[in-house]
Amino acid sequence: MTELSDVKSKSGDGCGANVFVVETPLQLLNAIEAKQVCQLKNNHLVVRIGGTGFSPNGLKALVGMSSWDGVHYLKFKNATTEWESSFFGRRLLGRLQSCAYDIQRIINRHKVDRLAAKFAGAKRIFLGNYLRGFQSYMRHFANRAGYEQLFLLDDGTDVLLICKARREVHDSKPETESGFRLKDRLQRYFVDWDEKEAESVTFFTAYELQPPSCDRVIKNKYQYLRDAAANSTRSDEVYFLGQSLVEDGYVSIDFYLHQLRAIKNYYKNGQLIYIPHPRQATWLMKKIEEAVGIQVRPCTLPIECEVALAKSKPAAIASFFCSALQSCKAILGKEILIHSFYIEPEHVCTSHELVREAYRYFEVIADSGFTLVKVY
């Protein structure tokens, strides 16, 4: 475990820029925690808005929770092209669509390259997500800008897969670029994101990780929000944190509603409140209220902020494998009960490894205040 003193700014005016690149409320919340805990100066925030499923206004409101030396908003061109023509064949249309997407990526890459040049040789870069193939522009930004230290913020349970991938990369032989055709080289040089793996990273995380020997860990104890939550009182409500499992194809709508009915029965003596995920569909929220009979209460801020800043906190917080269970446990400790409701593998339709890793981790950290529950 790395000591915080190892990363605090050593000069009075904060030599070099610290750059935080985020695009979700949770990433931004963890960026604020890292900035507060590490006591850094000369801090600049890069926020991608639009095309992420999260409200730009909600992100901007969260930005205002903390002071920054500079805030830079990044918006990508993400138009969907679905062309139909009786004149062009399907194969030619496919190639034209591919070219259109490549042009979009070139434009987006140029935006990131310009921003990276602005922060060339940064002191520290903090990335909201480092999972290969997802939010790849973040890796690209870090590789193009250069840095003295690279930090990875939590982005839910993705950090478990990122840490696992880091161990696999560390144990494997380095990649070689020999043998690529000229076309492939041009594609990688002008179009593709630079996803080159860093030699060493520092995880700023609330999770208990086992990274390779080249990486370090700083524990995120959510001290900033823990201090804010210290004086709140406890209510009789139970918050169930929704996940976009139906929208993202993890489970069927029928199974999701069946589980919610069983969970409602589990809390028959408590007032169950459903907190929807920002990306959950409005029609599903209406169905949950009407078909299951659970009150739906949307939040404007991440649930971690809601429970920390509100005057009262719930008696329990529950979900399936939502990453906020871990962060709420870190913020509120054993003041409230945390319940993770288990989904049997045969009901999961996609992303089996992520679901398996999340529940496996919850089993490891389970204690008297954090329980895995099965309902039928």
Foldseek 3Di string as FASTA:
>chain_A
DDDLQVQAQPDPQAPFAEEEEEEDQQLLLQVVLNCVSSVGHRYEYEYEDDPPLAHPVLVVVSVVVDDHPYYHYAYADDDQDDDDDPVDDPVVVVVVNVVVVQVRQLVSLVVLLVVLCVRAAGAEYEYAALPPPPPLSRLLSCVNRDYPAYEYEDDFLNVVVVQVVQQVCVPDDDDDDPPDDPVVVCCVVRGDRPSDDDQEHEYAECADGDHPPRYYYDHRLVPVLLVLQVQAAEDQEEEEEADQCCVVVFFPLVVVLVVLLQVCVVVVVGQYEYEYDSNHDPVSQVCCCPVRVHHYDYDSHPVSNVNSNDNYHYQEYEYALTRVLSVNCSRCPQSHAYEHEYDDLVRTDDPSVSSVSSVVRLVVPDDPRYYYDYTD
